[in-house]
Amino acid sequence: MTPDTHLADLGSHSAFLVRGDDGRAFLAEERARLARLFPQGTVEEHYVVHLSVART
């Protein structure tokens, strides 16, 4: 995904809503970090899913 999409996703998390600010400083730092890590302009995200099943 693009860095803009990634940052928009991060900015939508509830942690930003309860901080009392809009998180601009954090997101600016994250944008700079993403530019260094993903200079080609595509951010790779990896998700880990854990599934637990209970049987009765």
Protein backbone atom coordinates (compact mmCIF):
# COMPACT_ATOMS: atom_id res chain seq x y z
CA MET A 1 0.00 0.00 0.00
CA THR A 2 1.07 3.60 -0.33
CA PRO A 3 2.53 5.45 2.66
CA ASP A 4 -0.51 7.76 2.62
CA THR A 5 -2.89 4.79 2.94
CA HIS A 6 -0.79 3.31 5.73
CA LEU A 7 -0.70 6.62 7.62
CA ALA A 8 -4.45 7.14 7.18
CA ASP A 9 -5.01 3.69 8.65
CA LEU A 10 -2.75 4.47 11.62
CA GLY A 11 -4.48 7.79 12.18
CA SER A 12 -7.86 6.10 12.39
CA HIS A 13 -6.91 4.01 15.43
CA SER A 14 -8.53 4.87 18.74
CA ALA A 15 -5.16 5.64 20.37
CA PHE A 16 -5.10 8.90 18.40
CA LEU A 17 -8.68 9.71 19.39
CA VAL A 18 -7.98 9.49 23.14
CA ARG A 19 -4.62 11.29 23.08
CA GLY A 20 -6.20 14.71 22.95
CA ASP A 21 -4.21 15.77 19.90
CA ASP A 22 -4.40 14.77 16.28
CA GLY A 23 -1.08 12.89 16.25
CA ARG A 24 0.47 15.06 13.54
CA ALA A 25 3.96 14.91 15.07
CA PHE A 26 3.86 11.12 15.32
CA LEU A 27 2.52 10.74 11.80
CA ALA A 28 5.19 13.09 10.41
CA GLU A 29 7.90 11.00 12.10
CA GLU A 30 6.30 7.82 10.80
CA ARG A 31 6.18 9.24 7.26
CA ALA A 32 9.93 9.98 7.43
CA ARG A 33 10.64 6.49 8.79
CA LEU A 34 8.55 4.88 6.04
CA ALA A 35 10.42 6.87 3.40
CA ARG A 36 13.70 5.44 4.70
CA LEU A 37 12.43 1.87 5.03
CA PHE A 38 10.39 1.76 1.81
CA PRO A 39 12.08 4.11 -0.67
CA GLN A 40 10.18 2.53 -3.57
CA GLY A 41 6.94 4.03 -2.20
CA THR A 42 5.12 0.81 -1.34
CA VAL A 43 4.69 -0.13 2.31
CA GLU A 44 4.59 -3.82 3.10
CA GLU A 45 2.46 -4.87 6.04
CA HIS A 46 2.48 -8.31 7.55
CA TYR A 47 -0.33 -9.52 9.74
CA VAL A 48 -0.27 -12.39 12.19
CA VAL A 49 -3.52 -14.05 13.07
CA HIS A 50 -3.99 -16.37 16.01
CA LEU A 51 -7.03 -18.59 16.02
CA SER A 52 -8.27 -20.37 19.12
CA VAL A 53 -11.12 -22.85 18.96
CA ALA A 54 -12.93 -24.21 21.99
CA ARG A 55 -14.96 -27.34 21.68
CA THR A 56 -17.50 -28.48 24.20
